[in-house]
């Protein structure tokens, strides 16, 4: 009788363990799935007084890039210009918006129709102290307060630098990025990023085969895949990583490195090759001796 009871208890105990394990694994799996799913919530703030036709609904998206609904808002005595998340950058209906955080509030931008004031937008391209004449391509533009407009798509690259957008001294705008016209004149200056030298170095070592250095020109701020492990060769050694002399960080091969505004030296990190040395005994009853050793 005791044996039967023990078998029953043992049977149910085992079942309980299995069920508990199932629920535990299911919970862990659900948590992992929840962590992998990144949702972005975009709220369209329609709390402003007298907005008509508020047909826009909030958006929940697994992608951080969403398309702003192509809907025009109506408010008496105002024109609807678009949307903004900070009062500086503007987005018109139908534009793509890239979420900067998991929760975003977009506010409508309205301009007062009766406000006849006009503000000036001017572009200045200045490189190494010299102002470049761009009058053939750029002219002054005029906008009323809260009008959303697209910054110039023109770029004036130089031999030593590449232009990447515009700045008003506080904010940066890529070519074609839209902004909200403030209640004052705006001057946008060209942003230049210099071309810098990226040098792959073997370091102060011997046994280098082939080229001692490899130099490349990369634009500051640009992304560059670091070289592969065969870019430099050394007898008896394999490369395992790159050591950046600028920031002291070790980077793997093909790492997407953002070039700083300075010359960079990447020094090879070497690992000795492991060889097997065989000592032949020349005696059939005694096996050969094998010893592993590393270069050096």
C-alpha atoms as a PDB file:
ATOM      1  CA  UNK A   1       0.000   0.000   0.000  1.00  0.00           C
ATOM      2  CA  UNK A   2       2.808   2.387   0.950  1.00  0.00           C
ATOM      3  CA  UNK A   3       4.571   1.572  -2.287  1.00  0.00           C
ATOM      4  CA  UNK A   4       1.424   2.392  -4.281  1.00  0.00           C
ATOM      5  CA  UNK A   5       0.993   5.713  -2.482  1.00  0.00           C
ATOM      6  CA  UNK A   6       4.649   6.505  -3.098  1.00  0.00           C
ATOM      7  CA  UNK A   7       4.232   5.737  -6.803  1.00  0.00           C
ATOM      8  CA  UNK A   8       1.134   7.961  -7.010  1.00  0.00           C
ATOM      9  CA  UNK A   9       2.850  10.845  -5.205  1.00  0.00           C
ATOM     10  CA  UNK A  10       5.938  10.407  -7.323  1.00  0.00           C
ATOM     11  CA  UNK A  11       3.826  10.363 -10.480  1.00  0.00           C
ATOM     12  CA  UNK A  12       1.931  13.547  -9.601  1.00  0.00           C
ATOM     13  CA  UNK A  13       5.072  15.262  -8.342  1.00  0.00           C
ATOM     14  CA  UNK A  14       6.715  14.604 -11.666  1.00  0.00           C
ATOM     15  CA  UNK A  15       3.634  15.963 -13.474  1.00  0.00           C
ATOM     16  CA  UNK A  16       3.670  19.109 -11.342  1.00  0.00           C
ATOM     17  CA  UNK A  17       7.340  19.625 -12.141  1.00  0.00           C
ATOM     18  CA  UNK A  18       6.662  19.259 -15.865  1.00  0.00           C
ATOM     19  CA  UNK A  19       3.704  21.676 -15.721  1.00  0.00           C
ATOM     20  CA  UNK A  20       5.722  24.206 -13.689  1.00  0.00           C
ATOM     21  CA  UNK A  21       8.613  23.925 -16.110  1.00  0.00           C
ATOM     22  CA  UNK A  22       6.227  24.441 -19.043  1.00  0.00           C
ATOM     23  CA  UNK A  23       4.753  27.595 -17.540  1.00  0.00           C
ATOM     24  CA  UNK A  24       8.211  28.877 -16.617  1.00  0.00           C
ATOM     25  CA  UNK A  25       9.536  28.364 -20.132  1.00  0.00           C
ATOM     26  CA  UNK A  26       6.377  29.898 -21.582  1.00  0.00           C
ATOM     27  CA  UNK A  27       6.769  32.992 -19.393  1.00  0.00           C
ATOM     28  CA  UNK A  28      10.455  33.323 -20.270  1.00  0.00           C
ATOM     29  CA  UNK A  29       9.650  32.901 -23.961  1.00  0.00           C
ATOM     30  CA  UNK A  30       6.907  35.523 -23.771  1.00  0.00           C
ATOM     31  CA  UNK A  31       9.259  37.941 -21.996  1.00  0.00           C
ATOM     32  CA  UNK A  32      11.902  37.390 -24.653  1.00  0.00           C
ATOM     33  CA  UNK A  33       9.340  37.998 -27.400  1.00  0.00           C
ATOM     34  CA  UNK A  34       8.152  41.175 -25.678  1.00  0.00           C
ATOM     35  CA  UNK A  35      11.722  42.417 -25.432  1.00  0.00           C
ATOM     36  CA  UNK A  36      12.299  41.792 -29.133  1.00  0.00           C
ATOM     37  CA  UNK A  37       9.142  43.645 -30.230  1.00  0.00           C
ATOM     38  CA  UNK A  38       9.863  47.379 -30.154  1.00  0.00           C
ATOM     39  CA  UNK A  39       6.744  49.482 -30.551  1.00  0.00           C
ATOM     40  CA  UNK A  40       6.725  53.210 -31.199  1.00  0.00           C
ATOM     41  CA  UNK A  41       3.773  55.326 -30.138  1.00  0.00           C
ATOM     42  CA  UNK A  42       3.104  58.566 -32.029  1.00  0.00           C
ATOM     43  CA  UNK A  43       0.505  60.893 -30.514  1.00  0.00           C
ATOM     44  CA  UNK A  44      -0.991  63.697 -32.614  1.00  0.00           C
ATOM     45  CA  UNK A  45      -1.822  66.518 -30.217  1.00  0.00           C
ATOM     46  CA  UNK A  46      -5.209  67.936 -31.264  1.00  0.00           C
ATOM     47  CA  UNK A  47      -5.880  69.731 -27.999  1.00  0.00           C
ATOM     48  CA  UNK A  48      -5.501  73.168 -29.583  1.00  0.00           C
ATOM     49  CA  UNK A  49      -8.759  75.132 -29.539  1.00  0.00           C
ATOM     50  CA  UNK A  50     -11.015  75.297 -32.617  1.00  0.00           C
ATOM     51  CA  UNK A  51      -9.287  72.634 -34.717  1.00  0.00           C
ATOM     52  CA  UNK A  52     -11.803  71.265 -37.212  1.00  0.00           C
ATOM     53  CA  UNK A  53     -11.868  67.835 -38.867  1.00  0.00           C
ATOM     54  CA  UNK A  54      -9.525  66.118 -36.338  1.00  0.00           C
ATOM     55  CA  UNK A  55      -9.551  62.833 -38.243  1.00  0.00           C
ATOM     56  CA  UNK A  56      -6.003  61.825 -37.403  1.00  0.00           C
ATOM     57  CA  UNK A  57      -5.576  58.859 -35.078  1.00  0.00           C
ATOM     58  CA  UNK A  58      -2.525  58.034 -32.993  1.00  0.00           C
ATOM     59  CA  UNK A  59      -0.133  55.511 -34.514  1.00  0.00           C
ATOM     60  CA  UNK A  60       1.462  52.439 -32.936  1.00  0.00           C
ATOM     61  CA  UNK A  61       4.236  51.071 -35.131  1.00  0.00           C
ATOM     62  CA  UNK A  62       6.899  48.374 -34.880  1.00  0.00           C
ATOM     63  CA  UNK A  63       9.021  50.487 -37.219  1.00  0.00           C
ATOM     64  CA  UNK A  64      10.557  53.732 -36.023  1.00  0.00           C
ATOM     65  CA  UNK A  65       9.873  55.218 -39.461  1.00  0.00           C
ATOM     66  CA  UNK A  66       6.238  56.175 -40.041  1.00  0.00           C
ATOM     67  CA  UNK A  67       4.398  58.157 -42.695  1.00  0.00           C
ATOM     68  CA  UNK A  68       2.480  61.171 -41.428  1.00  0.00           C
ATOM     69  CA  UNK A  69      -1.175  60.906 -42.517  1.00  0.00           C
ATOM     70  CA  UNK A  70      -1.923  62.965 -45.606  1.00  0.00           C
ATOM     71  CA  UNK A  71      -4.675  64.939 -43.898  1.00  0.00           C
ATOM     72  CA  UNK A  72      -5.100  68.701 -43.769  1.00  0.00           C
ATOM     73  CA  UNK A  73      -6.327  70.307 -40.560  1.00  0.00           C
ATOM     74  CA  UNK A  74      -8.600  73.321 -40.598  1.00  0.00           C
ATOM     75  CA  UNK A  75      -8.717  76.207 -38.135  1.00  0.00           C
ATOM     76  CA  UNK A  76     -10.544  79.449 -38.725  1.00  0.00           C
ATOM     77  CA  UNK A  77      -8.279  82.430 -39.567  1.00  0.00           C
ATOM     78  CA  UNK A  78      -5.180  80.163 -39.711  1.00  0.00           C
ATOM     79  CA  UNK A  79      -3.341  78.146 -42.360  1.00  0.00           C
ATOM     80  CA  UNK A  80      -2.178  74.621 -41.543  1.00  0.00           C
ATOM     81  CA  UNK A  81       1.521  74.135 -42.251  1.00  0.00           C
ATOM     82  CA  UNK A  82       2.257  70.645 -40.895  1.00  0.00           C
ATOM     83  CA  UNK A  83       3.646  69.094 -37.726  1.00  0.00           C
ATOM     84  CA  UNK A  84       6.617  69.498 -35.378  1.00  0.00           C
ATOM     85  CA  UNK A  85       8.006  67.672 -32.365  1.00  0.00           C
ATOM     86  CA  UNK A  86      10.216  70.499 -31.131  1.00  0.00           C
ATOM     87  CA  UNK A  87       9.184  73.728 -32.873  1.00  0.00           C
ATOM     88  CA  UNK A  88      12.318  73.661 -35.071  1.00  0.00           C
ATOM     89  CA  UNK A  89      12.042  70.758 -37.501  1.00  0.00           C
ATOM     90  CA  UNK A  90       8.875  70.580 -39.597  1.00  0.00           C
ATOM     91  CA  UNK A  91       7.021  67.698 -41.250  1.00  0.00           C
ATOM     92  CA  UNK A  92       4.309  68.097 -43.834  1.00  0.00           C
ATOM     93  CA  UNK A  93       1.416  65.669 -44.448  1.00  0.00           C
ATOM     94  CA  UNK A  94       2.703  62.612 -46.309  1.00  0.00           C
ATOM     95  CA  UNK A  95       6.293  63.036 -45.082  1.00  0.00           C
ATOM     96  CA  UNK A  96       8.242  60.224 -43.433  1.00  0.00           C
ATOM     97  CA  UNK A  97       8.967  60.746 -39.752  1.00  0.00           C
ATOM     98  CA  UNK A  98      11.683  58.861 -37.863  1.00  0.00           C
ATOM     99  CA  UNK A  99      10.877  58.463 -34.174  1.00  0.00           C
ATOM    100  CA  UNK A 100      13.555  59.767 -31.818  1.00  0.00           C
ATOM    101  CA  UNK A 101      12.071  57.942 -28.823  1.00  0.00           C
ATOM    102  CA  UNK A 102       9.449  55.267 -28.108  1.00  0.00           C
ATOM    103  CA  UNK A 103       6.833  57.919 -27.313  1.00  0.00           C
ATOM    104  CA  UNK A 104       6.498  60.967 -29.551  1.00  0.00           C
ATOM    105  CA  UNK A 105       4.111  63.902 -29.493  1.00  0.00           C
ATOM    106  CA  UNK A 106       3.592  65.758 -32.770  1.00  0.00           C
ATOM    107  CA  UNK A 107       1.946  69.160 -32.537  1.00  0.00           C
ATOM    108  CA  UNK A 108       0.209  70.917 -35.431  1.00  0.00           C
ATOM    109  CA  UNK A 109       1.805  74.074 -36.836  1.00  0.00           C
ATOM    110  CA  UNK A 110      -0.627  76.864 -37.659  1.00  0.00           C
ATOM    111  CA  UNK A 111       0.106  80.341 -39.028  1.00  0.00           C
ATOM    112  CA  UNK A 112      -2.118  83.382 -38.577  1.00  0.00           C
ATOM    113  CA  UNK A 113      -3.397  84.433 -42.012  1.00  0.00           C
ATOM    114  CA  UNK A 114      -3.742  88.095 -41.009  1.00  0.00           C
ATOM    115  CA  UNK A 115      -0.079  88.268 -39.905  1.00  0.00           C
ATOM    116  CA  UNK A 116       1.532  89.804 -42.994  1.00  0.00           C
ATOM    117  CA  UNK A 117       5.055  89.961 -41.627  1.00  0.00           C
ATOM    118  CA  UNK A 118       7.686  88.312 -43.802  1.00  0.00           C
ATOM    119  CA  UNK A 119      11.034  87.002 -42.565  1.00  0.00           C
ATOM    120  CA  UNK A 120      14.181  86.405 -44.607  1.00  0.00           C
ATOM    121  CA  UNK A 121      16.054  83.144 -45.096  1.00  0.00           C
ATOM    122  CA  UNK A 122      19.645  83.522 -46.288  1.00  0.00           C
ATOM    123  CA  UNK A 123      22.336  80.935 -47.072  1.00  0.00           C
ATOM    124  CA  UNK A 124      26.047  81.591 -46.535  1.00  0.00           C
ATOM    125  CA  UNK A 125      28.764  79.228 -47.709  1.00  0.00           C
ATOM    126  CA  UNK A 126      31.992  79.989 -45.890  1.00  0.00           C
ATOM    127  CA  UNK A 127      35.051  77.737 -46.030  1.00  0.00           C
ATOM    128  CA  UNK A 128      38.301  78.357 -44.157  1.00  0.00           C
ATOM    129  CA  UNK A 129      37.461  82.019 -43.723  1.00  0.00           C
ATOM    130  CA  UNK A 130      36.506  82.651 -47.351  1.00  0.00           C
ATOM    131  CA  UNK A 131      32.916  83.296 -48.425  1.00  0.00           C
ATOM    132  CA  UNK A 132      32.069  81.406 -51.613  1.00  0.00           C
ATOM    133  CA  UNK A 133      29.865  83.156 -54.160  1.00  0.00           C
ATOM    134  CA  UNK A 134      26.711  81.070 -54.519  1.00  0.00           C
ATOM    135  CA  UNK A 135      24.432  83.766 -55.931  1.00  0.00           C
ATOM    136  CA  UNK A 136      23.997  81.747 -59.132  1.00  0.00           C
ATOM    137  CA  UNK A 137      22.475  78.865 -57.166  1.00  0.00           C
ATOM    138  CA  UNK A 138      21.108  80.355 -53.953  1.00  0.00           C
ATOM    139  CA  UNK A 139      19.078  83.491 -53.348  1.00  0.00           C
ATOM    140  CA  UNK A 140      17.259  84.933 -50.369  1.00  0.00           C
ATOM    141  CA  UNK A 141      13.909  83.387 -49.582  1.00  0.00           C
ATOM    142  CA  UNK A 142      10.977  84.885 -47.706  1.00  0.00           C
ATOM    143  CA  UNK A 143       8.495  83.137 -45.437  1.00  0.00           C
ATOM    144  CA  UNK A 144       5.871  84.083 -42.892  1.00  0.00           C
ATOM    145  CA  UNK A 145       5.986  82.842 -39.325  1.00  0.00           C
ATOM    146  CA  UNK A 146       5.269  79.102 -38.897  1.00  0.00           C
ATOM    147  CA  UNK A 147       5.559  78.308 -42.594  1.00  0.00           C
ATOM    148  CA  UNK A 148       7.304  74.935 -43.034  1.00  0.00           C
ATOM    149  CA  UNK A 149       9.862  74.949 -45.847  1.00  0.00           C
ATOM    150  CA  UNK A 150      12.579  72.681 -47.239  1.00  0.00           C
ATOM    151  CA  UNK A 151      16.194  73.738 -46.835  1.00  0.00           C
ATOM    152  CA  UNK A 152      18.325  73.884 -49.965  1.00  0.00           C
ATOM    153  CA  UNK A 153      19.459  70.592 -51.458  1.00  0.00           C
ATOM    154  CA  UNK A 154      22.549  72.251 -52.925  1.00  0.00           C
ATOM    155  CA  UNK A 155      25.991  71.142 -51.740  1.00  0.00           C
ATOM    156  CA  UNK A 156      29.258  73.005 -52.315  1.00  0.00           C
ATOM    157  CA  UNK A 157      32.000  70.434 -51.790  1.00  0.00           C
ATOM    158  CA  UNK A 158      35.618  71.527 -51.491  1.00  0.00           C
ATOM    159  CA  UNK A 159      38.822  69.676 -52.314  1.00  0.00           C
ATOM    160  CA  UNK A 160      39.604  69.123 -48.617  1.00  0.00           C
ATOM    161  CA  UNK A 161      36.068  68.827 -47.241  1.00  0.00           C
ATOM    162  CA  UNK A 162      32.534  67.808 -48.075  1.00  0.00           C
ATOM    163  CA  UNK A 163      29.469  69.850 -47.224  1.00  0.00           C
ATOM    164  CA  UNK A 164      26.902  68.074 -45.097  1.00  0.00           C
ATOM    165  CA  UNK A 165      23.885  70.277 -44.614  1.00  0.00           C
ATOM    166  CA  UNK A 166      23.305  73.617 -42.931  1.00  0.00           C
ATOM    167  CA  UNK A 167      23.248  75.131 -39.450  1.00  0.00           C
ATOM    168  CA  UNK A 168      21.724  78.198 -37.842  1.00  0.00           C
ATOM    169  CA  UNK A 169      24.343  78.022 -35.116  1.00  0.00           C
ATOM    170  CA  UNK A 170      22.272  75.792 -32.849  1.00  0.00           C
ATOM    171  CA  UNK A 171      20.490  73.248 -35.037  1.00  0.00           C
ATOM    172  CA  UNK A 172      21.727  71.217 -37.998  1.00  0.00           C
ATOM    173  CA  UNK A 173      19.707  70.486 -41.121  1.00  0.00           C
ATOM    174  CA  UNK A 174      20.628  67.937 -43.753  1.00  0.00           C
ATOM    175  CA  UNK A 175      20.117  69.129 -47.314  1.00  0.00           C
ATOM    176  CA  UNK A 176      16.367  69.047 -47.943  1.00  0.00           C
ATOM    177  CA  UNK A 177      15.484  68.819 -44.244  1.00  0.00           C
ATOM    178  CA  UNK A 178      12.403  70.887 -43.425  1.00  0.00           C
ATOM    179  CA  UNK A 179      12.207  73.540 -40.744  1.00  0.00           C
ATOM    180  CA  UNK A 180       9.575  75.794 -39.203  1.00  0.00           C
ATOM    181  CA  UNK A 181      10.118  79.490 -39.933  1.00  0.00           C
ATOM    182  CA  UNK A 182      10.552  81.296 -36.613  1.00  0.00           C
ATOM    183  CA  UNK A 183       9.505  84.846 -35.794  1.00  0.00           C
ATOM    184  CA  UNK A 184      12.812  86.313 -37.007  1.00  0.00           C
ATOM    185  CA  UNK A 185      15.210  86.253 -39.947  1.00  0.00           C
ATOM    186  CA  UNK A 186      17.312  83.109 -40.370  1.00  0.00           C
ATOM    187  CA  UNK A 187      20.833  82.655 -41.721  1.00  0.00           C
ATOM    188  CA  UNK A 188      21.942  79.124 -42.527  1.00  0.00           C
ATOM    189  CA  UNK A 189      25.655  78.392 -42.842  1.00  0.00           C
ATOM    190  CA  UNK A 190      27.130  75.474 -44.760  1.00  0.00           C
ATOM    191  CA  UNK A 191      28.521  72.648 -42.606  1.00  0.00           C
ATOM    192  CA  UNK A 192      31.820  71.254 -43.870  1.00  0.00           C
ATOM    193  CA  UNK A 193      33.378  67.971 -42.800  1.00  0.00           C
ATOM    194  CA  UNK A 194      37.035  67.506 -43.649  1.00  0.00           C
ATOM    195  CA  UNK A 195      38.516  64.467 -45.307  1.00  0.00           C
ATOM    196  CA  UNK A 196      40.771  62.692 -42.800  1.00  0.00           C
ATOM    197  CA  UNK A 197      43.421  60.005 -43.058  1.00  0.00           C
ATOM    198  CA  UNK A 198      42.714  56.490 -41.747  1.00  0.00           C
ATOM    199  CA  UNK A 199      45.968  54.549 -41.394  1.00  0.00           C
ATOM    200  CA  UNK A 200      46.211  50.799 -40.796  1.00  0.00           C
ATOM    201  CA  UNK A 201      49.518  50.091 -39.054  1.00  0.00           C
ATOM    202  CA  UNK A 202      51.188  46.776 -38.138  1.00  0.00           C
ATOM    203  CA  UNK A 203      52.744  48.365 -35.039  1.00  0.00           C
ATOM    204  CA  UNK A 204      56.381  48.168 -33.955  1.00  0.00           C
ATOM    205  CA  UNK A 205      56.872  44.512 -34.896  1.00  0.00           C
ATOM    206  CA  UNK A 206      59.045  42.493 -37.259  1.00  0.00           C
ATOM    207  CA  UNK A 207      58.234  39.864 -39.878  1.00  0.00           C
ATOM    208  CA  UNK A 208      55.831  42.013 -41.921  1.00  0.00           C
ATOM    209  CA  UNK A 209      55.109  40.596 -45.372  1.00  0.00           C
ATOM    210  CA  UNK A 210      54.158  42.993 -48.156  1.00  0.00           C
ATOM    211  CA  UNK A 211      52.957  46.532 -47.397  1.00  0.00           C
ATOM    212  CA  UNK A 212      53.824  48.046 -44.040  1.00  0.00           C
ATOM    213  CA  UNK A 213      50.954  50.534 -43.963  1.00  0.00           C
ATOM    214  CA  UNK A 214      47.620  51.080 -45.627  1.00  0.00           C
ATOM    215  CA  UNK A 215      46.274  54.628 -45.800  1.00  0.00           C
ATOM    216  CA  UNK A 216      42.766  55.663 -46.818  1.00  0.00           C
ATOM    217  CA  UNK A 217      40.935  58.989 -47.013  1.00  0.00           C
ATOM    218  CA  UNK A 218      37.586  59.104 -45.190  1.00  0.00           C
ATOM    219  CA  UNK A 219      35.167  61.974 -44.662  1.00  0.00           C
ATOM    220  CA  UNK A 220      34.816  63.098 -41.053  1.00  0.00           C
ATOM    221  CA  UNK A 221      31.441  61.983 -39.760  1.00  0.00           C
ATOM    222  CA  UNK A 222      31.223  59.262 -42.407  1.00  0.00           C
ATOM    223  CA  UNK A 223      30.802  55.572 -41.657  1.00  0.00           C
ATOM    224  CA  UNK A 224      33.583  53.222 -42.691  1.00  0.00           C
ATOM    225  CA  UNK A 225      33.761  49.419 -42.418  1.00  0.00           C
ATOM    226  CA  UNK A 226      37.118  48.639 -40.839  1.00  0.00           C
ATOM    227  CA  UNK A 227      39.480  46.467 -42.872  1.00  0.00           C
ATOM    228  CA  UNK A 228      39.515  42.697 -42.879  1.00  0.00           C
ATOM    229  CA  UNK A 229      42.034  40.550 -41.031  1.00  0.00           C
ATOM    230  CA  UNK A 230      44.228  40.022 -44.104  1.00  0.00           C
ATOM    231  CA  UNK A 231      44.858  43.701 -44.813  1.00  0.00           C
ATOM    232  CA  UNK A 232      48.335  43.373 -43.244  1.00  0.00           C
ATOM    233  CA  UNK A 233      50.375  40.174 -43.025  1.00  0.00           C
ATOM    234  CA  UNK A 234      53.063  38.989 -40.614  1.00  0.00           C
ATOM    235  CA  UNK A 235      55.050  35.752 -40.569  1.00  0.00           C
ATOM    236  CA  UNK A 236      53.848  33.392 -37.852  1.00  0.00           C
ATOM    237  CA  UNK A 237      51.014  35.625 -36.683  1.00  0.00           C
ATOM    238  CA  UNK A 238      47.355  36.213 -37.412  1.00  0.00           C
ATOM    239  CA  UNK A 239      45.500  39.474 -36.909  1.00  0.00           C
ATOM    240  CA  UNK A 240      42.602  39.325 -34.433  1.00  0.00           C
ATOM    241  CA  UNK A 241      41.446  42.951 -34.080  1.00  0.00           C
ATOM    242  CA  UNK A 242      42.303  46.593 -34.662  1.00  0.00           C
ATOM    243  CA  UNK A 243      43.445  48.855 -31.815  1.00  0.00           C
ATOM    244  CA  UNK A 244      42.526  52.510 -32.263  1.00  0.00           C
ATOM    245  CA  UNK A 245      45.345  54.746 -31.053  1.00  0.00           C
ATOM    246  CA  UNK A 246      42.934  57.708 -30.818  1.00  0.00           C
ATOM    247  CA  UNK A 247      40.367  56.392 -28.348  1.00  0.00           C
ATOM    248  CA  UNK A 248      42.161  53.296 -27.006  1.00  0.00           C
ATOM    249  CA  UNK A 249      39.346  50.946 -28.065  1.00  0.00           C
ATOM    250  CA  UNK A 250      39.803  47.561 -29.765  1.00  0.00           C
ATOM    251  CA  UNK A 251      37.515  47.092 -32.776  1.00  0.00           C
ATOM    252  CA  UNK A 252      36.624  43.882 -34.669  1.00  0.00           C
ATOM    253  CA  UNK A 253      37.095  43.544 -38.408  1.00  0.00           C
ATOM    254  CA  UNK A 254      34.366  45.151 -40.552  1.00  0.00           C
ATOM    255  CA  UNK A 255      33.170  47.259 -37.600  1.00  0.00           C
ATOM    256  CA  UNK A 256      31.125  50.249 -38.806  1.00  0.00           C
ATOM    257  CA  UNK A 257      33.404  52.988 -37.543  1.00  0.00           C
ATOM    258  CA  UNK A 258      32.356  56.650 -37.511  1.00  0.00           C
ATOM    259  CA  UNK A 259      35.310  58.746 -38.629  1.00  0.00           C
ATOM    260  CA  UNK A 260      36.098  61.599 -36.207  1.00  0.00           C
ATOM    261  CA  UNK A 261      37.286  65.005 -37.364  1.00  0.00           C
ATOM    262  CA  UNK A 262      40.938  63.978 -37.043  1.00  0.00           C
ATOM    263  CA  UNK A 263      43.431  61.550 -38.548  1.00  0.00           C
ATOM    264  CA  UNK A 264      43.104  58.033 -37.112  1.00  0.00           C
ATOM    265  CA  UNK A 265      45.620  55.224 -36.662  1.00  0.00           C
ATOM    266  CA  UNK A 266      44.397  51.633 -36.367  1.00  0.00           C
ATOM    267  CA  UNK A 267      47.151  49.288 -35.142  1.00  0.00           C
ATOM    268  CA  UNK A 268      46.935  45.547 -35.770  1.00  0.00           C
ATOM    269  CA  UNK A 269      46.588  43.227 -32.781  1.00  0.00           C
ATOM    270  CA  UNK A 270      48.558  40.062 -33.491  1.00  0.00           C
ATOM    271  CA  UNK A 271      48.080  36.550 -32.164  1.00  0.00           C
ATOM    272  CA  UNK A 272      50.839  33.937 -32.628  1.00  0.00           C
ATOM    273  CA  UNK A 273      50.063  30.921 -34.797  1.00  0.00           C
ATOM    274  CA  UNK A 274      50.023  27.531 -33.034  1.00  0.00           C
ATOM    275  CA  UNK A 275      52.172  24.839 -34.677  1.00  0.00           C
ATOM    276  CA  UNK A 276      52.593  21.121 -34.000  1.00  0.00           C
ATOM    277  CA  UNK A 277      56.183  19.885 -33.721  1.00  0.00           C
ATOM    278  CA  UNK A 278      56.593  16.118 -34.321  1.00  0.00           C
ATOM    279  CA  UNK A 279      59.577  14.182 -32.940  1.00  0.00           C
ATOM    280  CA  UNK A 280      59.902  10.889 -34.824  1.00  0.00           C
ATOM    281  CA  UNK A 281      61.133   8.022 -32.683  1.00  0.00           C
ATOM    282  CA  UNK A 282      61.808   5.765 -35.694  1.00  0.00           C
ATOM    283  CA  UNK A 283      60.746   2.850 -33.432  1.00  0.00           C
ATOM    284  CA  UNK A 284      57.538   1.094 -34.393  1.00  0.00           C
ATOM    285  CA  UNK A 285      56.595   0.306 -30.798  1.00  0.00           C
ATOM    286  CA  UNK A 286      57.110   3.885 -29.600  1.00  0.00           C
ATOM    287  CA  UNK A 287      54.712   6.519 -30.954  1.00  0.00           C
ATOM    288  CA  UNK A 288      56.009   9.819 -32.299  1.00  0.00           C
ATOM    289  CA  UNK A 289      56.011  12.702 -29.857  1.00  0.00           C
ATOM    290  CA  UNK A 290      53.791  15.682 -30.750  1.00  0.00           C
ATOM    291  CA  UNK A 291      54.208  19.004 -29.004  1.00  0.00           C
ATOM    292  CA  UNK A 292      52.249  22.170 -29.745  1.00  0.00           C
ATOM    293  CA  UNK A 293      53.963  25.529 -29.574  1.00  0.00           C
ATOM    294  CA  UNK A 294      53.231  29.105 -30.574  1.00  0.00           C
ATOM    295  CA  UNK A 295      55.332  31.434 -32.684  1.00  0.00           C
ATOM    296  CA  UNK A 296      58.112  32.926 -30.610  1.00  0.00           C
END
